[in-house]
Amino acid sequence: MPETSLIDKQKPILIASSSIDTQSYSAVANILAGRGYEVVVYDTDKVVRGIDILQICMSNDSELSVGYNQTDISPGSIGSAWYRKVNHFKVDRTEEDVARQLHVSNEVQQLHSSIWQYYPDDLWLNSPRHIVTADSKLVQLRAAKEVGFSIPQTVISNDWDYIVSDLMVTNPTIIVKMIRGVISRQNHLKGMYATPLDMERVAPLKESTIPFPGIYQPFVKKGREWRVTVVGDNIFPVSIYTDESAKDDWRKHQLNPSVQFKSEQLPPTVGEKCPRCLSAIGLKYGAFDLIETPEEEVVFLECNPDGQYGWLEDRLNLPISDAIAIELAKIATSEF
C-alpha cells in the first residue's frame, strides 16, 4: 500500500470568523487548501441567522464536543486555528435596531468565550484568551517598554484638572482616544479616531463632559509613521507619510492623497522588538502602530491582535496571507 502523506494525516485547520470578514481570511484559506490542507471556516453570522448548524454538547464526564455543519471541530479534532474577528457580524443584513445588534453581539461573544477556552492556547495563531489580555492598552504599553520601545505617558481619569496638570503642562496638545472607538446614538453607529485637544478645546469640555473612559497621551510629532505586521518571525514593515491635514490619525484620511504607504526598512533594532513584544503578550500575530519623530525616535502606540492587513498586502504586494498560512500549517504539523 502507498504510504499516507503527512498532510493526509493532519487534522483540519479551523478559521473562526464571520462572512463579513471573508475578504480577510479567504486568501489564507485558499493557500492552505491549495497545499492540501482541509480548512473549516466557522462563520458566526451564519450560525446566528440559522444558515449554518452549530451543535455543542458537554457530556457527563465534562468532555466537550463541537459540531459545525456535520464536521467535528471539537478541541481534539482540530490541528490549528485562527481566531479572526469572530464577533464581527450582523444579526441580519437589514437590521436597523443598533441596540438589538449590540445586545445579541454581546451575548454571542460571551458564549464564544465559554467555548473557545476549551481549545489549547498553542492550537491558535492567537488564542482568544491572549487576545483579550492583549486588547488592554496598558498591558501593551508595559510589554512594549519592557522590550525597549519608547512609550508615551498615558493618563486615564474622570478628572479634567488631573489630565491637564499631568499632561498639558509640558504638552500644549494631547490626544484622546477610546478603547473601541465606536458608540451608538439613535440607531446610528459613530466612530471616534484619535483626536487632538489643546487648551482652547479642553476649556469648554471641562464645563460639560466627563473625560472617562478616554485614554489621554501627549501628541507626538510625526516624521513618519509605521504599520508593522508581524506573523511569527516574519516582519512586514510599511511606512506611512502624511501631510499636515492627516497628522491626527492616518486611518481617518487613508483613502485620499494626504496619506501614502511605502514598503521601507525599519530603523535599526526596531524590527527585533516587535516579535519580542508579541511573544511577551502571548501572540504570534499583531499589527503595530508606531511613530517615528522628526528626531528619529520610534514611539510605540499600540498593537492590534486582529489588525487588518489586506489593503497593504494588495497595494504593496506583501505576502502576509502566505505567512499566516505557513504559521497555521506549522502549528498543525507540530506536537504541542
C-alpha atoms as a PDB file:
ATOM      1  CA  MET A   1       0.000   0.000   0.000  1.00  0.00           C
ATOM      2  CA  PRO A   2       1.267   3.524  -0.735  1.00  0.00           C
ATOM      3  CA  GLU A   3       2.455   5.481   2.283  1.00  0.00           C
ATOM      4  CA  THR A   4      -0.042   8.098   3.510  1.00  0.00           C
ATOM      5  CA  SER A   5       1.342  11.631   3.274  1.00  0.00           C
ATOM      6  CA  LEU A   6       1.838  13.785   6.365  1.00  0.00           C
ATOM      7  CA  ILE A   7      -0.879  16.198   5.187  1.00  0.00           C
ATOM      8  CA  ASP A   8      -3.349  13.336   4.763  1.00  0.00           C
ATOM      9  CA  LYS A   9      -2.907  12.524   8.422  1.00  0.00           C
ATOM     10  CA  GLN A  10      -3.411  16.088   9.598  1.00  0.00           C
ATOM     11  CA  LYS A  11      -6.461  17.324  11.411  1.00  0.00           C
ATOM     12  CA  PRO A  12      -8.415  20.177   9.788  1.00  0.00           C
ATOM     13  CA  ILE A  13      -7.353  23.789  10.213  1.00  0.00           C
ATOM     14  CA  LEU A  14     -10.116  25.942  11.694  1.00  0.00           C
ATOM     15  CA  ILE A  15     -10.711  29.575  10.762  1.00  0.00           C
ATOM     16  CA  ALA A  16     -13.216  31.045  13.224  1.00  0.00           C
ATOM     17  CA  SER A  17     -14.593  34.280  11.798  1.00  0.00           C
ATOM     18  CA  SER A  18     -17.698  35.651  10.070  1.00  0.00           C
ATOM     19  CA  SER A  19     -18.668  36.006   6.426  1.00  0.00           C
ATOM     20  CA  ILE A  20     -18.406  39.806   6.779  1.00  0.00           C
ATOM     21  CA  ASP A  21     -14.648  39.278   7.020  1.00  0.00           C
ATOM     22  CA  THR A  22     -14.390  36.837   4.089  1.00  0.00           C
ATOM     23  CA  GLN A  23     -12.056  39.155   2.211  1.00  0.00           C
ATOM     24  CA  SER A  24      -9.539  38.919   5.063  1.00  0.00           C
ATOM     25  CA  TYR A  25      -9.441  35.161   5.591  1.00  0.00           C
ATOM     26  CA  SER A  26     -10.252  33.775   2.120  1.00  0.00           C
ATOM     27  CA  ALA A  27      -6.715  34.230   0.788  1.00  0.00           C
ATOM     28  CA  VAL A  28      -5.296  32.246   3.721  1.00  0.00           C
ATOM     29  CA  ALA A  29      -7.952  29.527   3.343  1.00  0.00           C
ATOM     30  CA  ASN A  30      -7.234  29.232  -0.391  1.00  0.00           C
ATOM     31  CA  ILE A  31      -3.475  28.966   0.152  1.00  0.00           C
ATOM     32  CA  LEU A  32      -3.923  26.204   2.727  1.00  0.00           C
ATOM     33  CA  ALA A  33      -6.426  24.317   0.571  1.00  0.00           C
ATOM     34  CA  GLY A  34      -4.094  24.611  -2.410  1.00  0.00           C
ATOM     35  CA  ARG A  35      -1.371  22.950  -0.349  1.00  0.00           C
ATOM     36  CA  GLY A  36      -3.600  20.035   0.562  1.00  0.00           C
ATOM     37  CA  TYR A  37      -4.886  21.040   3.985  1.00  0.00           C
ATOM     38  CA  GLU A  38      -8.522  20.651   4.944  1.00  0.00           C
ATOM     39  CA  VAL A  39      -9.866  24.027   6.061  1.00  0.00           C
ATOM     40  CA  VAL A  40     -13.056  24.519   8.070  1.00  0.00           C
ATOM     41  CA  VAL A  41     -14.382  28.093   8.117  1.00  0.00           C
ATOM     42  CA  TYR A  42     -16.733  28.833  11.009  1.00  0.00           C
ATOM     43  CA  ASP A  43     -18.900  31.875  10.218  1.00  0.00           C
ATOM     44  CA  THR A  44     -20.547  33.330  13.314  1.00  0.00           C
ATOM     45  CA  ASP A  45     -23.155  35.311  11.397  1.00  0.00           C
ATOM     46  CA  LYS A  46     -24.360  32.217   9.552  1.00  0.00           C
ATOM     47  CA  VAL A  47     -24.862  30.457  12.891  1.00  0.00           C
ATOM     48  CA  VAL A  48     -26.750  33.432  14.345  1.00  0.00           C
ATOM     49  CA  ARG A  49     -29.010  33.588  11.282  1.00  0.00           C
ATOM     50  CA  GLY A  50     -29.634  29.811  11.208  1.00  0.00           C
ATOM     51  CA  ILE A  51     -27.889  29.248   7.877  1.00  0.00           C
ATOM     52  CA  ASP A  52     -25.168  27.000   9.333  1.00  0.00           C
ATOM     53  CA  ILE A  53     -25.648  24.390  12.059  1.00  0.00           C
ATOM     54  CA  LEU A  54     -23.684  24.509  15.330  1.00  0.00           C
ATOM     55  CA  GLN A  55     -24.025  21.654  17.826  1.00  0.00           C
ATOM     56  CA  ILE A  56     -22.260  21.704  21.215  1.00  0.00           C
ATOM     57  CA  CYS A  57     -22.528  19.108  23.938  1.00  0.00           C
ATOM     58  CA  MET A  58     -20.843  18.842  27.317  1.00  0.00           C
ATOM     59  CA  SER A  59     -21.013  15.201  28.400  1.00  0.00           C
ATOM     60  CA  ASN A  60     -21.467  13.920  31.952  1.00  0.00           C
ATOM     61  CA  ASP A  61     -17.720  13.377  32.170  1.00  0.00           C
ATOM     62  CA  SER A  62     -17.119  17.027  31.037  1.00  0.00           C
ATOM     63  CA  GLU A  63     -15.931  16.144  27.511  1.00  0.00           C
ATOM     64  CA  LEU A  64     -16.795  18.921  25.049  1.00  0.00           C
ATOM     65  CA  SER A  65     -17.912  18.003  21.547  1.00  0.00           C
ATOM     66  CA  VAL A  66     -18.464  20.681  18.919  1.00  0.00           C
ATOM     67  CA  GLY A  67     -20.021  20.032  15.521  1.00  0.00           C
ATOM     68  CA  TYR A  68     -20.303  22.547  12.713  1.00  0.00           C
ATOM     69  CA  ASN A  69     -22.207  21.591   9.562  1.00  0.00           C
ATOM     70  CA  GLN A  70     -21.624  17.885  10.291  1.00  0.00           C
ATOM     71  CA  THR A  71     -17.875  18.467  10.766  1.00  0.00           C
ATOM     72  CA  ASP A  72     -16.263  17.694  14.113  1.00  0.00           C
ATOM     73  CA  ILE A  73     -14.421  20.801  15.293  1.00  0.00           C
ATOM     74  CA  SER A  74     -14.013  19.683  18.916  1.00  0.00           C
ATOM     75  CA  PRO A  75     -10.767  20.750  20.633  1.00  0.00           C
ATOM     76  CA  GLY A  76      -9.073  17.408  19.973  1.00  0.00           C
ATOM     77  CA  SER A  77     -10.173  17.263  16.324  1.00  0.00           C
ATOM     78  CA  ILE A  78      -8.501  20.458  15.083  1.00  0.00           C
ATOM     79  CA  GLY A  79      -4.851  20.762  14.015  1.00  0.00           C
ATOM     80  CA  SER A  80      -4.592  24.549  14.331  1.00  0.00           C
ATOM     81  CA  ALA A  81      -6.932  27.535  14.451  1.00  0.00           C
ATOM     82  CA  TRP A  82      -7.167  31.203  13.558  1.00  0.00           C
ATOM     83  CA  TYR A  83      -9.486  33.394  15.673  1.00  0.00           C
ATOM     84  CA  ARG A  84     -10.276  36.143  13.171  1.00  0.00           C
ATOM     85  CA  LYS A  85     -12.881  38.746  14.243  1.00  0.00           C
ATOM     86  CA  VAL A  86     -15.371  36.092  15.361  1.00  0.00           C
ATOM     87  CA  ASN A  87     -17.708  38.680  16.875  1.00  0.00           C
ATOM     88  CA  HIS A  88     -17.706  40.957  13.829  1.00  0.00           C
ATOM     89  CA  PHE A  89     -21.150  40.165  12.434  1.00  0.00           C
ATOM     90  CA  LYS A  90     -24.665  41.461  11.916  1.00  0.00           C
ATOM     91  CA  VAL A  91     -27.786  39.789  13.306  1.00  0.00           C
ATOM     92  CA  ASP A  92     -29.451  40.462   9.966  1.00  0.00           C
ATOM     93  CA  ARG A  93     -28.204  42.411   6.969  1.00  0.00           C
ATOM     94  CA  THR A  94     -31.300  44.608   7.114  1.00  0.00           C
ATOM     95  CA  GLU A  95     -31.126  45.107  10.906  1.00  0.00           C
ATOM     96  CA  GLU A  96     -31.704  48.753  11.835  1.00  0.00           C
ATOM     97  CA  ASP A  97     -32.028  48.372  15.608  1.00  0.00           C
ATOM     98  CA  VAL A  98     -28.450  49.036  16.686  1.00  0.00           C
ATOM     99  CA  ALA A  99     -29.200  48.360  20.369  1.00  0.00           C
ATOM    100  CA  ARG A 100     -30.523  44.885  19.493  1.00  0.00           C
ATOM    101  CA  GLN A 101     -27.488  44.214  17.306  1.00  0.00           C
ATOM    102  CA  LEU A 102     -25.110  45.168  20.132  1.00  0.00           C
ATOM    103  CA  HIS A 103     -27.042  43.102  22.686  1.00  0.00           C
ATOM    104  CA  VAL A 104     -27.002  39.963  20.536  1.00  0.00           C
ATOM    105  CA  SER A 105     -23.341  40.546  19.711  1.00  0.00           C
ATOM    106  CA  ASN A 106     -22.536  40.702  23.433  1.00  0.00           C
ATOM    107  CA  GLU A 107     -24.497  37.502  24.128  1.00  0.00           C
ATOM    108  CA  VAL A 108     -22.718  35.656  21.320  1.00  0.00           C
ATOM    109  CA  GLN A 109     -19.363  36.978  22.487  1.00  0.00           C
ATOM    110  CA  GLN A 110     -19.986  35.669  25.993  1.00  0.00           C
ATOM    111  CA  LEU A 111     -20.994  32.271  24.610  1.00  0.00           C
ATOM    112  CA  HIS A 112     -17.924  32.124  22.401  1.00  0.00           C
ATOM    113  CA  SER A 113     -15.727  32.911  25.389  1.00  0.00           C
ATOM    114  CA  SER A 114     -17.102  29.847  27.162  1.00  0.00           C
ATOM    115  CA  ILE A 115     -16.490  27.630  24.097  1.00  0.00           C
ATOM    116  CA  TRP A 116     -13.063  28.634  22.846  1.00  0.00           C
ATOM    117  CA  GLN A 117     -11.393  28.495  26.277  1.00  0.00           C
ATOM    118  CA  TYR A 118     -11.526  24.689  25.984  1.00  0.00           C
ATOM    119  CA  TYR A 119      -9.180  24.813  22.969  1.00  0.00           C
ATOM    120  CA  PRO A 120      -5.475  24.778  23.971  1.00  0.00           C
ATOM    121  CA  ASP A 121      -3.690  28.133  23.633  1.00  0.00           C
ATOM    122  CA  ASP A 122      -0.965  26.561  21.479  1.00  0.00           C
ATOM    123  CA  LEU A 123      -3.587  25.480  18.945  1.00  0.00           C
ATOM    124  CA  TRP A 124      -4.207  29.064  17.858  1.00  0.00           C
ATOM    125  CA  LEU A 125      -2.328  31.637  15.827  1.00  0.00           C
ATOM    126  CA  ASN A 126      -3.537  33.983  18.594  1.00  0.00           C
ATOM    127  CA  SER A 127      -5.545  32.310  21.338  1.00  0.00           C
ATOM    128  CA  PRO A 128      -8.811  34.055  22.300  1.00  0.00           C
ATOM    129  CA  ARG A 129      -7.634  34.230  25.913  1.00  0.00           C
ATOM    130  CA  HIS A 130      -4.423  36.009  24.936  1.00  0.00           C
ATOM    131  CA  ILE A 131      -6.297  38.339  22.574  1.00  0.00           C
ATOM    132  CA  VAL A 132      -8.457  39.509  25.487  1.00  0.00           C
ATOM    133  CA  THR A 133      -5.329  40.240  27.530  1.00  0.00           C
ATOM    134  CA  ALA A 134      -3.547  41.892  24.611  1.00  0.00           C
ATOM    135  CA  ASP A 135      -6.524  44.179  23.968  1.00  0.00           C
ATOM    136  CA  SER A 136      -5.607  46.023  27.168  1.00  0.00           C
ATOM    137  CA  LYS A 137      -3.763  49.188  26.124  1.00  0.00           C
ATOM    138  CA  LEU A 138      -1.913  49.283  29.456  1.00  0.00           C
ATOM    139  CA  VAL A 139      -0.734  45.670  29.061  1.00  0.00           C
ATOM    140  CA  GLN A 140       0.557  46.527  25.589  1.00  0.00           C
ATOM    141  CA  LEU A 141       2.367  49.645  26.776  1.00  0.00           C
ATOM    142  CA  ARG A 142       4.104  47.806  29.612  1.00  0.00           C
ATOM    143  CA  ALA A 143       5.178  44.942  27.320  1.00  0.00           C
ATOM    144  CA  ALA A 144       6.476  47.433  24.753  1.00  0.00           C
ATOM    145  CA  LYS A 145       8.510  49.270  27.365  1.00  0.00           C
ATOM    146  CA  GLU A 146       9.959  46.010  28.686  1.00  0.00           C
ATOM    147  CA  VAL A 147      11.347  45.115  25.246  1.00  0.00           C
ATOM    148  CA  GLY A 148      12.900  48.556  24.769  1.00  0.00           C
ATOM    149  CA  PHE A 149      10.310  50.706  22.992  1.00  0.00           C
ATOM    150  CA  SER A 150       9.721  54.312  23.949  1.00  0.00           C
ATOM    151  CA  ILE A 151       6.105  54.739  25.065  1.00  0.00           C
ATOM    152  CA  PRO A 152       4.015  57.889  25.582  1.00  0.00           C
ATOM    153  CA  GLN A 153       2.915  58.914  29.042  1.00  0.00           C
ATOM    154  CA  THR A 154      -0.666  57.664  29.336  1.00  0.00           C
ATOM    155  CA  VAL A 155      -3.417  59.018  31.577  1.00  0.00           C
ATOM    156  CA  ILE A 156      -6.922  57.671  32.218  1.00  0.00           C
ATOM    157  CA  SER A 157      -9.096  59.734  34.542  1.00  0.00           C
ATOM    158  CA  ASN A 158     -12.562  61.191  35.124  1.00  0.00           C
ATOM    159  CA  ASP A 159     -10.980  64.470  36.275  1.00  0.00           C
ATOM    160  CA  TRP A 160     -10.094  67.075  33.644  1.00  0.00           C
ATOM    161  CA  ASP A 161      -7.901  69.008  36.088  1.00  0.00           C
ATOM    162  CA  TYR A 162      -5.773  65.913  36.692  1.00  0.00           C
ATOM    163  CA  ILE A 163      -5.382  65.305  32.952  1.00  0.00           C
ATOM    164  CA  VAL A 164      -4.449  68.920  32.325  1.00  0.00           C
ATOM    165  CA  SER A 165      -1.968  69.095  35.220  1.00  0.00           C
ATOM    166  CA  ASP A 166      -0.361  65.770  34.372  1.00  0.00           C
ATOM    167  CA  LEU A 167      -0.088  66.131  30.597  1.00  0.00           C
ATOM    168  CA  MET A 168      -0.672  69.666  29.346  1.00  0.00           C
ATOM    169  CA  VAL A 169       1.868  71.496  31.467  1.00  0.00           C
ATOM    170  CA  THR A 170       4.614  70.286  29.142  1.00  0.00           C
ATOM    171  CA  ASN A 171       2.462  69.266  26.142  1.00  0.00           C
ATOM    172  CA  PRO A 172       0.347  72.019  24.573  1.00  0.00           C
ATOM    173  CA  THR A 173      -1.521  69.417  22.529  1.00  0.00           C
ATOM    174  CA  ILE A 174      -2.683  65.994  23.708  1.00  0.00           C
ATOM    175  CA  ILE A 175      -4.510  63.117  22.047  1.00  0.00           C
ATOM    176  CA  VAL A 176      -7.692  61.448  23.263  1.00  0.00           C
ATOM    177  CA  LYS A 177      -8.710  58.014  22.010  1.00  0.00           C
ATOM    178  CA  MET A 178     -11.146  55.333  23.096  1.00  0.00           C
ATOM    179  CA  ILE A 179     -10.682  51.624  23.790  1.00  0.00           C
ATOM    180  CA  ARG A 180     -13.062  50.636  20.959  1.00  0.00           C
ATOM    181  CA  GLY A 181     -13.788  53.990  19.401  1.00  0.00           C
ATOM    182  CA  VAL A 182     -17.393  53.161  18.449  1.00  0.00           C
ATOM    183  CA  ILE A 183     -20.641  54.311  20.068  1.00  0.00           C
ATOM    184  CA  SER A 184     -24.299  54.136  19.017  1.00  0.00           C
ATOM    185  CA  ARG A 185     -26.708  57.033  19.243  1.00  0.00           C
ATOM    186  CA  GLN A 186     -30.301  56.968  17.978  1.00  0.00           C
ATOM    187  CA  ASN A 187     -29.637  53.843  15.906  1.00  0.00           C
ATOM    188  CA  HIS A 188     -26.524  55.265  14.269  1.00  0.00           C
ATOM    189  CA  LEU A 189     -23.007  53.999  14.905  1.00  0.00           C
ATOM    190  CA  LYS A 190     -20.385  56.678  15.318  1.00  0.00           C
ATOM    191  CA  GLY A 191     -16.630  56.147  15.282  1.00  0.00           C
ATOM    192  CA  MET A 192     -14.003  58.174  17.089  1.00  0.00           C
ATOM    193  CA  TYR A 193     -10.461  58.408  15.793  1.00  0.00           C
ATOM    194  CA  ALA A 194      -7.527  59.743  17.791  1.00  0.00           C
ATOM    195  CA  THR A 195      -8.444  63.404  18.350  1.00  0.00           C
ATOM    196  CA  PRO A 196      -6.056  66.254  19.212  1.00  0.00           C
ATOM    197  CA  LEU A 197      -7.003  68.556  22.101  1.00  0.00           C
ATOM    198  CA  ASP A 198      -5.432  71.852  23.123  1.00  0.00           C
ATOM    199  CA  MET A 199      -6.445  74.108  25.996  1.00  0.00           C
ATOM    200  CA  GLU A 200      -8.862  76.035  23.770  1.00  0.00           C
ATOM    201  CA  ARG A 201     -10.787  72.812  23.096  1.00  0.00           C
ATOM    202  CA  VAL A 202     -10.430  71.424  26.617  1.00  0.00           C
ATOM    203  CA  ALA A 203     -11.868  74.514  28.358  1.00  0.00           C
ATOM    204  CA  PRO A 204     -15.494  74.055  27.170  1.00  0.00           C
ATOM    205  CA  LEU A 205     -15.219  70.273  27.571  1.00  0.00           C
ATOM    206  CA  LYS A 206     -14.364  70.739  31.251  1.00  0.00           C
ATOM    207  CA  GLU A 207     -17.687  72.516  31.730  1.00  0.00           C
ATOM    208  CA  SER A 208     -19.896  69.935  30.029  1.00  0.00           C
ATOM    209  CA  THR A 209     -18.283  66.477  29.917  1.00  0.00           C
ATOM    210  CA  ILE A 210     -16.577  63.799  31.989  1.00  0.00           C
ATOM    211  CA  PRO A 211     -13.322  62.638  30.347  1.00  0.00           C
ATOM    212  CA  PHE A 212     -13.737  58.992  31.374  1.00  0.00           C
ATOM    213  CA  PRO A 213     -13.262  56.427  29.790  1.00  0.00           C
ATOM    214  CA  GLY A 214     -10.923  58.164  27.361  1.00  0.00           C
ATOM    215  CA  ILE A 215      -7.199  57.480  27.057  1.00  0.00           C
ATOM    216  CA  TYR A 216      -5.046  60.616  27.019  1.00  0.00           C
ATOM    217  CA  GLN A 217      -1.472  60.915  25.746  1.00  0.00           C
ATOM    218  CA  PRO A 218       0.834  63.677  24.517  1.00  0.00           C
ATOM    219  CA  PHE A 219       0.566  64.472  20.824  1.00  0.00           C
ATOM    220  CA  VAL A 220       3.790  63.025  19.398  1.00  0.00           C
ATOM    221  CA  LYS A 221       5.219  64.918  16.426  1.00  0.00           C
ATOM    222  CA  LYS A 222       5.486  62.690  13.370  1.00  0.00           C
ATOM    223  CA  GLY A 223       8.277  62.448  10.854  1.00  0.00           C
ATOM    224  CA  ARG A 224       6.699  59.299   9.502  1.00  0.00           C
ATOM    225  CA  GLU A 225       4.557  56.530  10.961  1.00  0.00           C
ATOM    226  CA  TRP A 226       4.812  52.757  10.727  1.00  0.00           C
ATOM    227  CA  ARG A 227       2.331  49.924  10.397  1.00  0.00           C
ATOM    228  CA  VAL A 228       4.322  46.785  11.160  1.00  0.00           C
ATOM    229  CA  THR A 229       2.559  43.467  10.650  1.00  0.00           C
ATOM    230  CA  VAL A 230       4.248  40.541  12.403  1.00  0.00           C
ATOM    231  CA  VAL A 231       3.454  36.878  11.767  1.00  0.00           C
ATOM    232  CA  GLY A 232       5.657  34.576  13.838  1.00  0.00           C
ATOM    233  CA  ASP A 233       9.215  35.591  12.902  1.00  0.00           C
ATOM    234  CA  ASN A 234       8.107  37.357   9.712  1.00  0.00           C
ATOM    235  CA  ILE A 235       8.043  41.156   9.780  1.00  0.00           C
ATOM    236  CA  PHE A 236       6.260  43.288   7.178  1.00  0.00           C
ATOM    237  CA  PRO A 237       7.030  46.979   7.769  1.00  0.00           C
ATOM    238  CA  VAL A 238       5.100  49.722   5.985  1.00  0.00           C
ATOM    239  CA  SER A 239       5.979  53.387   6.399  1.00  0.00           C
ATOM    240  CA  ILE A 240       3.196  55.964   6.375  1.00  0.00           C
ATOM    241  CA  TYR A 241       3.732  59.536   5.208  1.00  0.00           C
ATOM    242  CA  THR A 242       1.048  62.136   5.942  1.00  0.00           C
ATOM    243  CA  ASP A 243       0.666  65.790   5.077  1.00  0.00           C
ATOM    244  CA  GLU A 244      -0.366  68.333   7.714  1.00  0.00           C
ATOM    245  CA  SER A 245      -4.069  67.635   7.251  1.00  0.00           C
ATOM    246  CA  ALA A 246      -3.654  63.979   8.269  1.00  0.00           C
ATOM    247  CA  LYS A 247      -1.311  64.202  11.254  1.00  0.00           C
ATOM    248  CA  ASP A 248      -4.100  63.428  13.750  1.00  0.00           C
ATOM    249  CA  ASP A 249      -4.925  59.835  12.658  1.00  0.00           C
ATOM    250  CA  TRP A 250      -3.934  58.431   9.254  1.00  0.00           C
ATOM    251  CA  ARG A 251      -6.810  55.889   9.344  1.00  0.00           C
ATOM    252  CA  LYS A 252      -9.270  58.781   9.067  1.00  0.00           C
ATOM    253  CA  HIS A 253      -7.633  60.022   5.843  1.00  0.00           C
ATOM    254  CA  GLN A 254      -6.187  56.878   4.234  1.00  0.00           C
ATOM    255  CA  LEU A 255      -8.463  56.979   1.172  1.00  0.00           C
ATOM    256  CA  ASN A 256      -7.178  60.345  -0.042  1.00  0.00           C
ATOM    257  CA  PRO A 257      -3.755  61.553  -1.297  1.00  0.00           C
ATOM    258  CA  SER A 258      -2.807  63.060   2.070  1.00  0.00           C
ATOM    259  CA  VAL A 259      -1.647  59.575   3.173  1.00  0.00           C
ATOM    260  CA  GLN A 260       0.981  57.498   1.367  1.00  0.00           C
ATOM    261  CA  PHE A 261       2.077  53.939   2.193  1.00  0.00           C
ATOM    262  CA  LYS A 262       5.532  52.628   1.290  1.00  0.00           C
ATOM    263  CA  SER A 263       7.415  49.374   1.850  1.00  0.00           C
ATOM    264  CA  GLU A 264      10.589  50.504   3.602  1.00  0.00           C
ATOM    265  CA  GLN A 265      13.113  49.094   6.050  1.00  0.00           C
ATOM    266  CA  LEU A 266      12.557  49.755   9.730  1.00  0.00           C
ATOM    267  CA  PRO A 267      15.129  51.758  11.687  1.00  0.00           C
ATOM    268  CA  PRO A 268      17.825  49.572  13.330  1.00  0.00           C
ATOM    269  CA  THR A 269      16.729  47.443  16.353  1.00  0.00           C
ATOM    270  CA  VAL A 270      13.009  48.237  15.887  1.00  0.00           C
ATOM    271  CA  GLY A 271      12.318  45.062  13.910  1.00  0.00           C
ATOM    272  CA  GLU A 272      13.585  42.769  16.651  1.00  0.00           C
ATOM    273  CA  LYS A 273      11.459  44.492  19.306  1.00  0.00           C
ATOM    274  CA  CYS A 274       8.131  43.768  17.578  1.00  0.00           C
ATOM    275  CA  PRO A 275       8.279  39.920  17.727  1.00  0.00           C
ATOM    276  CA  ARG A 276       9.609  40.106  21.289  1.00  0.00           C
ATOM    277  CA  CYS A 277       6.698  42.337  22.288  1.00  0.00           C
ATOM    278  CA  LEU A 278       4.229  39.908  20.682  1.00  0.00           C
ATOM    279  CA  SER A 279       5.800  36.986  22.494  1.00  0.00           C
ATOM    280  CA  ALA A 280       5.566  38.862  25.802  1.00  0.00           C
ATOM    281  CA  ILE A 281       1.769  39.061  25.454  1.00  0.00           C
ATOM    282  CA  GLY A 282       1.398  35.518  24.094  1.00  0.00           C
ATOM    283  CA  LEU A 283       0.682  36.305  20.439  1.00  0.00           C
ATOM    284  CA  LYS A 284       2.025  35.090  17.077  1.00  0.00           C
ATOM    285  CA  TYR A 285       0.282  37.770  15.004  1.00  0.00           C
ATOM    286  CA  GLY A 286      -0.064  41.504  15.555  1.00  0.00           C
ATOM    287  CA  ALA A 287      -0.259  44.824  13.711  1.00  0.00           C
ATOM    288  CA  PHE A 288       1.901  47.501  15.361  1.00  0.00           C
ATOM    289  CA  ASP A 289       1.289  51.238  15.092  1.00  0.00           C
ATOM    290  CA  LEU A 290       4.466  53.235  15.667  1.00  0.00           C
ATOM    291  CA  ILE A 291       5.506  56.868  15.290  1.00  0.00           C
ATOM    292  CA  GLU A 292       8.960  57.945  14.177  1.00  0.00           C
ATOM    293  CA  THR A 293       9.568  61.503  15.366  1.00  0.00           C
ATOM    294  CA  PRO A 294      11.470  64.126  13.322  1.00  0.00           C
ATOM    295  CA  GLU A 295      14.402  63.318  15.662  1.00  0.00           C
ATOM    296  CA  GLU A 296      14.129  59.632  14.534  1.00  0.00           C
ATOM    297  CA  GLU A 297      12.938  58.284  17.876  1.00  0.00           C
ATOM    298  CA  VAL A 298      10.453  55.430  17.386  1.00  0.00           C
ATOM    299  CA  VAL A 299       7.487  55.546  19.793  1.00  0.00           C
ATOM    300  CA  PHE A 300       5.116  52.617  20.365  1.00  0.00           C
ATOM    301  CA  LEU A 301       1.408  53.450  20.179  1.00  0.00           C
ATOM    302  CA  GLU A 302      -0.395  50.109  20.142  1.00  0.00           C
ATOM    303  CA  CYS A 303      -0.509  46.568  18.788  1.00  0.00           C
ATOM    304  CA  ASN A 304      -3.769  45.230  17.350  1.00  0.00           C
ATOM    305  CA  PRO A 305      -4.004  41.413  17.709  1.00  0.00           C
ATOM    306  CA  ASP A 306      -6.713  41.399  14.993  1.00  0.00           C
ATOM    307  CA  GLY A 307      -5.294  44.211  12.869  1.00  0.00           C
ATOM    308  CA  GLN A 308      -6.318  44.500   9.222  1.00  0.00           C
ATOM    309  CA  TYR A 309      -3.610  43.929   6.634  1.00  0.00           C
ATOM    310  CA  GLY A 310      -5.347  43.137   3.344  1.00  0.00           C
ATOM    311  CA  TRP A 311      -5.136  46.619   1.799  1.00  0.00           C
ATOM    312  CA  LEU A 312      -1.377  46.746   2.450  1.00  0.00           C
ATOM    313  CA  GLU A 313      -0.879  43.247   1.073  1.00  0.00           C
ATOM    314  CA  ASP A 314      -2.661  44.204  -2.140  1.00  0.00           C
ATOM    315  CA  ARG A 315      -1.172  47.670  -2.509  1.00  0.00           C
ATOM    316  CA  LEU A 316       2.449  46.764  -1.752  1.00  0.00           C
ATOM    317  CA  ASN A 317       2.493  43.067  -2.740  1.00  0.00           C
ATOM    318  CA  LEU A 318       3.351  41.837   0.756  1.00  0.00           C
ATOM    319  CA  PRO A 319       2.967  38.041   1.309  1.00  0.00           C
ATOM    320  CA  ILE A 320       1.194  38.353   4.673  1.00  0.00           C
ATOM    321  CA  SER A 321      -1.545  35.806   3.904  1.00  0.00           C
ATOM    322  CA  ASP A 322       1.115  33.294   2.883  1.00  0.00           C
ATOM    323  CA  ALA A 323       2.977  33.867   6.174  1.00  0.00           C
ATOM    324  CA  ILE A 324      -0.247  33.277   8.141  1.00  0.00           C
ATOM    325  CA  ALA A 325      -0.932  30.079   6.176  1.00  0.00           C
ATOM    326  CA  ILE A 326       2.600  28.835   6.858  1.00  0.00           C
ATOM    327  CA  GLU A 327       2.248  29.588  10.585  1.00  0.00           C
ATOM    328  CA  LEU A 328      -1.074  27.719  10.800  1.00  0.00           C
ATOM    329  CA  ALA A 329       0.393  24.753   8.906  1.00  0.00           C
ATOM    330  CA  LYS A 330       3.391  24.782  11.235  1.00  0.00           C
ATOM    331  CA  ILE A 331       1.119  24.590  14.282  1.00  0.00           C
ATOM    332  CA  ALA A 332      -0.940  21.812  12.641  1.00  0.00           C
ATOM    333  CA  THR A 333       2.108  19.672  11.972  1.00  0.00           C
ATOM    334  CA  SER A 334       3.686  20.140  15.405  1.00  0.00           C
ATOM    335  CA  GLU A 335       3.170  18.262  18.637  1.00  0.00           C
ATOM    336  CA  PHE A 336       2.278  20.709  21.404  1.00  0.00           C
END
